[in-house]
PDB file of all heavy atoms in Angstrom:
ATOM      1  N   THR A   1    -163.468  49.190   9.671  1.00  0.00           N
ATOM      2  CA  THR A   1    -162.109  48.662   9.688  1.00  0.00           C
ATOM      3  C   THR A   1    -161.835  47.801  10.912  1.00  0.00           C
ATOM      4  O   THR A   1    -160.843  47.083  10.945  1.00  0.00           O
ATOM      5  CB  THR A   1    -161.068  49.803   9.629  1.00  0.00           C
ATOM      6  OG1 THR A   1    -161.268  50.679  10.735  1.00  0.00           O
ATOM      7  CG2 THR A   1    -161.177  50.563   8.324  1.00  0.00           C
ATOM      8  N   LEU A   2    -162.709  47.883  11.936  1.00  0.00           N
ATOM      9  CA  LEU A   2    -162.522  47.096  13.145  1.00  0.00           C
ATOM     10  C   LEU A   2    -163.859  46.843  13.810  1.00  0.00           C
ATOM     11  O   LEU A   2    -164.693  47.745  13.895  1.00  0.00           O
ATOM     12  CB  LEU A   2    -161.592  47.836  14.119  1.00  0.00           C
ATOM     13  CG  LEU A   2    -161.333  47.172  15.462  1.00  0.00           C
ATOM     14  CD1 LEU A   2    -160.471  45.929  15.278  1.00  0.00           C
ATOM     15  CD2 LEU A   2    -160.645  48.152  16.393  1.00  0.00           C
ATOM     16  N   LYS A   3    -164.047  45.624  14.271  1.00  0.00           N
ATOM     17  CA  LYS A   3    -165.237  45.245  15.039  1.00  0.00           C
ATOM     18  C   LYS A   3    -164.719  44.689  16.353  1.00  0.00           C
ATOM     19  O   LYS A   3    -163.844  43.817  16.362  1.00  0.00           O
ATOM     20  CB  LYS A   3    -166.028  44.192  14.268  1.00  0.00           C
ATOM     21  CG  LYS A   3    -167.205  43.635  15.005  1.00  0.00           C
ATOM     22  CD  LYS A   3    -167.864  42.570  14.144  1.00  0.00           C
ATOM     23  CE  LYS A   3    -168.833  41.760  14.951  1.00  0.00           C
ATOM     24  NZ  LYS A   3    -169.399  40.655  14.176  1.00  0.00           N
ATOM     25  N   ASN A   4    -165.250  45.193  17.486  1.00  0.00           N
ATOM     26  CA  ASN A   4    -164.692  44.838  18.776  1.00  0.00           C
ATOM     27  C   ASN A   4    -165.793  44.722  19.822  1.00  0.00           C
ATOM     28  O   ASN A   4    -166.781  45.440  19.756  1.00  0.00           O
ATOM     29  CB  ASN A   4    -163.687  45.917  19.191  1.00  0.00           C
ATOM     30  CG  ASN A   4    -162.833  45.505  20.344  1.00  0.00           C
ATOM     31  OD1 ASN A   4    -162.820  44.357  20.742  1.00  0.00           O
ATOM     32  ND2 ASN A   4    -162.111  46.459  20.895  1.00  0.00           N
ATOM     33  N   GLY A   5    -165.613  43.836  20.779  1.00  0.00           N
ATOM     34  CA  GLY A   5    -166.521  43.758  21.907  1.00  0.00           C
ATOM     35  C   GLY A   5    -167.271  42.443  21.987  1.00  0.00           C
ATOM     36  O   GLY A   5    -167.330  41.677  21.032  1.00  0.00           O
ATOM     37  N   PHE A   6    -167.842  42.193  23.173  1.00  0.00           N
ATOM     38  CA  PHE A   6    -168.639  40.997  23.409  1.00  0.00           C
ATOM     39  C   PHE A   6    -170.088  41.375  23.675  1.00  0.00           C
ATOM     40  O   PHE A   6    -170.972  41.044  22.917  1.00  0.00           O
ATOM     41  CB  PHE A   6    -168.080  40.196  24.601  1.00  0.00           C
ATOM     42  CG  PHE A   6    -166.727  39.628  24.329  1.00  0.00           C
ATOM     43  CD1 PHE A   6    -165.593  40.195  24.886  1.00  0.00           C
ATOM     44  CD2 PHE A   6    -166.572  38.533  23.500  1.00  0.00           C
ATOM     45  CE1 PHE A   6    -164.343  39.671  24.637  1.00  0.00           C
ATOM     46  CE2 PHE A   6    -165.316  38.005  23.245  1.00  0.00           C
ATOM     47  CZ  PHE A   6    -164.200  38.577  23.816  1.00  0.00           C
ATOM     48  N   ARG A   7    -170.313  42.072  24.772  1.00  0.00           N
ATOM     49  CA  ARG A   7    -171.682  42.473  25.112  1.00  0.00           C
ATOM     50  C   ARG A   7    -172.107  43.711  24.339  1.00  0.00           C
ATOM     51  O   ARG A   7    -173.269  43.870  24.001  1.00  0.00           O
ATOM     52  CB  ARG A   7    -171.790  42.732  26.606  1.00  0.00           C
ATOM     53  CG  ARG A   7    -171.636  41.457  27.402  1.00  0.00           C
ATOM     54  CD  ARG A   7    -171.627  41.726  28.871  1.00  0.00           C
ATOM     55  NE  ARG A   7    -172.762  42.535  29.266  1.00  0.00           N
ATOM     56  CZ  ARG A   7    -173.535  42.290  30.288  1.00  0.00           C
ATOM     57  NH1 ARG A   7    -173.305  41.246  31.036  1.00  0.00           N
ATOM     58  NH2 ARG A   7    -174.525  43.095  30.593  1.00  0.00           N
ATOM     59  N   TRP A   8    -171.184  44.613  24.110  1.00  0.00           N
ATOM     60  CA  TRP A   8    -171.461  45.809  23.324  1.00  0.00           C
ATOM     61  C   TRP A   8    -170.510  45.798  22.138  1.00  0.00           C
ATOM     62  O   TRP A   8    -169.310  46.009  22.291  1.00  0.00           O
ATOM     63  CB  TRP A   8    -171.278  47.079  24.160  1.00  0.00           C
ATOM     64  CG  TRP A   8    -171.373  48.339  23.358  1.00  0.00           C
ATOM     65  CD1 TRP A   8    -172.266  48.641  22.382  1.00  0.00           C
ATOM     66  CD2 TRP A   8    -170.511  49.480  23.448  1.00  0.00           C
ATOM     67  NE1 TRP A   8    -172.035  49.888  21.864  1.00  0.00           N
ATOM     68  CE2 TRP A   8    -170.959  50.430  22.510  1.00  0.00           C
ATOM     69  CE3 TRP A   8    -169.416  49.796  24.237  1.00  0.00           C
ATOM     70  CZ2 TRP A   8    -170.348  51.666  22.334  1.00  0.00           C
ATOM     71  CZ3 TRP A   8    -168.810  51.026  24.058  1.00  0.00           C
ATOM     72  CH2 TRP A   8    -169.288  51.950  23.119  1.00  0.00           C
ATOM     73  N   ILE A   9    -171.036  45.510  20.977  1.00  0.00           N
ATOM     74  CA  ILE A   9    -170.219  45.501  19.759  1.00  0.00           C
ATOM     75  C   ILE A   9    -170.035  46.946  19.321  1.00  0.00           C
ATOM     76  O   ILE A   9    -170.995  47.701  19.186  1.00  0.00           O
ATOM     77  CB  ILE A   9    -170.894  44.690  18.633  1.00  0.00           C
ATOM     78  CG1 ILE A   9    -171.205  43.273  19.095  1.00  0.00           C
ATOM     79  CG2 ILE A   9    -170.032  44.692  17.377  1.00  0.00           C
ATOM     80  CD1 ILE A   9    -170.001  42.442  19.458  1.00  0.00           C
ATOM     81  N   ARG A  10    -168.789  47.338  19.117  1.00  0.00           N
ATOM     82  CA  ARG A  10    -168.495  48.682  18.633  1.00  0.00           C
ATOM     83  C   ARG A  10    -167.606  48.576  17.399  1.00  0.00           C
ATOM     84  O   ARG A  10    -166.935  47.576  17.195  1.00  0.00           O
ATOM     85  CB  ARG A  10    -167.876  49.554  19.710  1.00  0.00           C
ATOM     86  CG  ARG A  10    -167.097  48.878  20.655  1.00  0.00           C
ATOM     87  CD  ARG A  10    -166.802  49.590  21.958  1.00  0.00           C
ATOM     88  NE  ARG A  10    -165.641  48.929  22.516  1.00  0.00           N
ATOM     89  CZ  ARG A  10    -165.686  47.776  23.141  1.00  0.00           C
ATOM     90  NH1 ARG A  10    -166.813  47.156  23.298  1.00  0.00           N
ATOM     91  NH2 ARG A  10    -164.606  47.232  23.574  1.00  0.00           N
ATOM     92  N   TYR A  11    -167.640  49.636  16.621  1.00  0.00           N
ATOM     93  CA  TYR A  11    -166.974  49.624  15.325  1.00  0.00           C
ATOM     94  C   TYR A  11    -166.041  50.826  15.185  1.00  0.00           C
ATOM     95  O   TYR A  11    -166.294  51.886  15.742  1.00  0.00           O
ATOM     96  CB  TYR A  11    -168.012  49.685  14.199  1.00  0.00           C
ATOM     97  CG  TYR A  11    -169.013  48.563  14.269  1.00  0.00           C
ATOM     98  CD1 TYR A  11    -170.215  48.714  14.935  1.00  0.00           C
ATOM     99  CD2 TYR A  11    -168.740  47.342  13.670  1.00  0.00           C
ATOM    100  CE1 TYR A  11    -171.135  47.670  14.996  1.00  0.00           C
ATOM    101  CE2 TYR A  11    -169.651  46.294  13.730  1.00  0.00           C
ATOM    102  CZ  TYR A  11    -170.838  46.477  14.398  1.00  0.00           C
ATOM    103  OH  TYR A  11    -171.736  45.441  14.469  1.00  0.00           O
ATOM    104  N   ARG A  12    -164.991  50.625  14.413  1.00  0.00           N
ATOM    105  CA  ARG A  12    -164.152  51.734  13.959  1.00  0.00           C
ATOM    106  C   ARG A  12    -164.401  51.844  12.463  1.00  0.00           C
ATOM    107  O   ARG A  12    -164.383  50.846  11.738  1.00  0.00           O
ATOM    108  CB  ARG A  12    -162.673  51.492  14.215  1.00  0.00           C
ATOM    109  CG  ARG A  12    -161.814  52.620  13.655  1.00  0.00           C
ATOM    110  CD  ARG A  12    -160.387  52.589  14.135  1.00  0.00           C
ATOM    111  NE  ARG A  12    -159.657  53.714  13.592  1.00  0.00           N
ATOM    112  CZ  ARG A  12    -159.689  54.946  14.062  1.00  0.00           C
ATOM    113  NH1 ARG A  12    -160.412  55.227  15.109  1.00  0.00           N
ATOM    114  NH2 ARG A  12    -158.986  55.913  13.494  1.00  0.00           N
ATOM    115  N   VAL A  13    -164.648  53.075  12.022  1.00  0.00           N
ATOM    116  CA  VAL A  13    -164.956  53.317  10.614  1.00  0.00           C
ATOM    117  C   VAL A  13    -164.025  54.393  10.077  1.00  0.00           C
ATOM    118  O   VAL A  13    -163.809  55.424  10.713  1.00  0.00           O
ATOM    119  CB  VAL A  13    -166.432  53.754  10.435  1.00  0.00           C
ATOM    120  CG1 VAL A  13    -166.723  54.077   8.986  1.00  0.00           C
ATOM    121  CG2 VAL A  13    -167.369  52.676  10.946  1.00  0.00           C
ATOM    122  N   GLU A  14    -163.466  54.133   8.916  1.00  0.00           N
ATOM    123  CA  GLU A  14    -162.699  55.132   8.178  1.00  0.00           C
ATOM    124  C   GLU A  14    -163.653  55.727   7.150  1.00  0.00           C
ATOM    125  O   GLU A  14    -164.126  55.023   6.257  1.00  0.00           O
ATOM    126  CB  GLU A  14    -161.482  54.502   7.490  1.00  0.00           C
ATOM    127  CG  GLU A  14    -160.468  53.909   8.442  1.00  0.00           C
ATOM    128  CD  GLU A  14    -159.804  54.933   9.347  1.00  0.00           C
ATOM    129  OE1 GLU A  14    -159.606  56.085   8.903  1.00  0.00           O
ATOM    130  OE2 GLU A  14    -159.494  54.586  10.498  1.00  0.00           O
ATOM    131  N   PHE A  15    -163.956  57.012   7.316  1.00  0.00           N
ATOM    132  CA  PHE A  15    -164.918  57.672   6.443  1.00  0.00           C
ATOM    133  C   PHE A  15    -164.239  58.266   5.227  1.00  0.00           C
ATOM    134  O   PHE A  15    -163.035  58.537   5.230  1.00  0.00           O
ATOM    135  CB  PHE A  15    -165.683  58.748   7.229  1.00  0.00           C
ATOM    136  CG  PHE A  15    -166.652  58.166   8.222  1.00  0.00           C
ATOM    137  CD1 PHE A  15    -166.289  58.014   9.545  1.00  0.00           C
ATOM    138  CD2 PHE A  15    -167.913  57.746   7.823  1.00  0.00           C
ATOM    139  CE1 PHE A  15    -167.167  57.462  10.464  1.00  0.00           C
ATOM    140  CE2 PHE A  15    -168.795  57.182   8.729  1.00  0.00           C
ATOM    141  CZ  PHE A  15    -168.417  57.045  10.056  1.00  0.00           C
ATOM    142  N   ASP A  16    -165.034  58.488   4.173  1.00  0.00           N
ATOM    143  CA  ASP A  16    -164.510  58.999   2.903  1.00  0.00           C
ATOM    144  C   ASP A  16    -163.930  60.403   3.010  1.00  0.00           C
ATOM    145  O   ASP A  16    -163.162  60.811   2.148  1.00  0.00           O
ATOM    146  CB  ASP A  16    -165.605  58.978   1.831  1.00  0.00           C
ATOM    147  CG  ASP A  16    -165.979  57.566   1.409  1.00  0.00           C
ATOM    148  OD1 ASP A  16    -165.310  56.601   1.840  1.00  0.00           O
ATOM    149  OD2 ASP A  16    -166.953  57.418   0.646  1.00  0.00           O
ATOM    150  N   ASN A  17    -164.272  61.142   4.072  1.00  0.00           N
ATOM    151  CA  ASN A  17    -163.701  62.488   4.230  1.00  0.00           C
ATOM    152  C   ASN A  17    -162.359  62.457   4.946  1.00  0.00           C
ATOM    153  O   ASN A  17    -161.819  63.490   5.307  1.00  0.00           O
ATOM    154  CB  ASN A  17    -164.683  63.413   4.951  1.00  0.00           C
ATOM    155  CG  ASN A  17    -164.935  63.017   6.388  1.00  0.00           C
ATOM    156  OD1 ASN A  17    -164.506  61.971   6.849  1.00  0.00           O
ATOM    157  ND2 ASN A  17    -165.653  63.866   7.103  1.00  0.00           N
ATOM    158  N   GLY A  18    -161.806  61.256   5.170  1.00  0.00           N
ATOM    159  CA  GLY A  18    -160.481  61.117   5.765  1.00  0.00           C
ATOM    160  C   GLY A  18    -160.466  61.008   7.276  1.00  0.00           C
ATOM    161  O   GLY A  18    -159.401  60.900   7.873  1.00  0.00           O
ATOM    162  N   VAL A  19    -161.617  61.027   7.908  1.00  0.00           N
ATOM    163  CA  VAL A  19    -161.699  60.951   9.359  1.00  0.00           C
ATOM    164  C   VAL A  19    -161.995  59.512   9.777  1.00  0.00           C
ATOM    165  O   VAL A  19    -162.861  58.862   9.205  1.00  0.00           O
ATOM    166  CB  VAL A  19    -162.806  61.892   9.899  1.00  0.00           C
ATOM    167  CG1 VAL A  19    -162.953  61.760  11.398  1.00  0.00           C
ATOM    168  CG2 VAL A  19    -162.495  63.330   9.513  1.00  0.00           C
ATOM    169  N   GLY A  20    -161.269  59.023  10.779  1.00  0.00           N
ATOM    170  CA  GLY A  20    -161.527  57.714  11.355  1.00  0.00           C
ATOM    171  C   GLY A  20    -162.139  57.896  12.731  1.00  0.00           C
ATOM    172  O   GLY A  20    -161.660  58.703  13.524  1.00  0.00           O
ATOM    173  N   VAL A  21    -163.217  57.177  13.002  1.00  0.00           N
ATOM    174  CA  VAL A  21    -163.900  57.291  14.287  1.00  0.00           C
ATOM    175  C   VAL A  21    -164.069  55.892  14.869  1.00  0.00           C
ATOM    176  O   VAL A  21    -164.508  54.978  14.182  1.00  0.00           O
ATOM    177  CB  VAL A  21    -165.284  57.960  14.138  1.00  0.00           C
ATOM    178  CG1 VAL A  21    -165.957  58.110  15.492  1.00  0.00           C
ATOM    179  CG2 VAL A  21    -165.163  59.314  13.459  1.00  0.00           C
ATOM    180  N   GLY A  22    -163.725  55.741  16.158  1.00  0.00           N
ATOM    181  CA  GLY A  22    -163.861  54.461  16.836  1.00  0.00           C
ATOM    182  C   GLY A  22    -164.976  54.492  17.865  1.00  0.00           C
ATOM    183  O   GLY A  22    -165.585  55.533  18.123  1.00  0.00           O
ATOM    184  N   SER A  23    -165.238  53.347  18.458  1.00  0.00           N
ATOM    185  CA  SER A  23    -166.273  53.160  19.478  1.00  0.00           C
ATOM    186  C   SER A  23    -167.656  53.592  19.001  1.00  0.00           C
ATOM    187  O   SER A  23    -168.427  54.192  19.752  1.00  0.00           O
ATOM    188  CB  SER A  23    -165.906  53.898  20.767  1.00  0.00           C
ATOM    189  OG  SER A  23    -164.760  53.326  21.344  1.00  0.00           O
ATOM    190  N   LEU A  24    -167.970  53.282  17.762  1.00  0.00           N
ATOM    191  CA  LEU A  24    -169.286  53.600  17.217  1.00  0.00           C
ATOM    192  C   LEU A  24    -170.253  52.457  17.474  1.00  0.00           C
ATOM    193  O   LEU A  24    -169.917  51.284  17.283  1.00  0.00           O
ATOM    194  CB  LEU A  24    -169.205  53.867  15.714  1.00  0.00           C
ATOM    195  CG  LEU A  24    -168.427  55.106  15.309  1.00  0.00           C
ATOM    196  CD1 LEU A  24    -168.303  55.171  13.800  1.00  0.00           C
ATOM    197  CD2 LEU A  24    -169.097  56.347  15.857  1.00  0.00           C
ATOM    198  N   ASP A  25    -171.438  52.797  17.901  1.00  0.00           N
ATOM    199  CA  ASP A  25    -172.500  51.829  18.122  1.00  0.00           C
ATOM    200  C   ASP A  25    -173.188  51.549  16.785  1.00  0.00           C
ATOM    201  O   ASP A  25    -173.204  52.396  15.887  1.00  0.00           O
ATOM    202  CB  ASP A  25    -173.496  52.418  19.127  1.00  0.00           C
ATOM    203  CG  ASP A  25    -174.519  51.403  19.554  1.00  0.00           C
ATOM    204  OD1 ASP A  25    -174.174  50.546  20.376  1.00  0.00           O
ATOM    205  OD2 ASP A  25    -175.661  51.477  19.060  1.00  0.00           O
TER     206      ASP A  25
END
């Protein structure tokens, strides 16, 4: 749902179990 960063690209993902997690490598 979100892509962020320049040197380190990190992602926010909304998972099918209803949990959203950010700063994923």
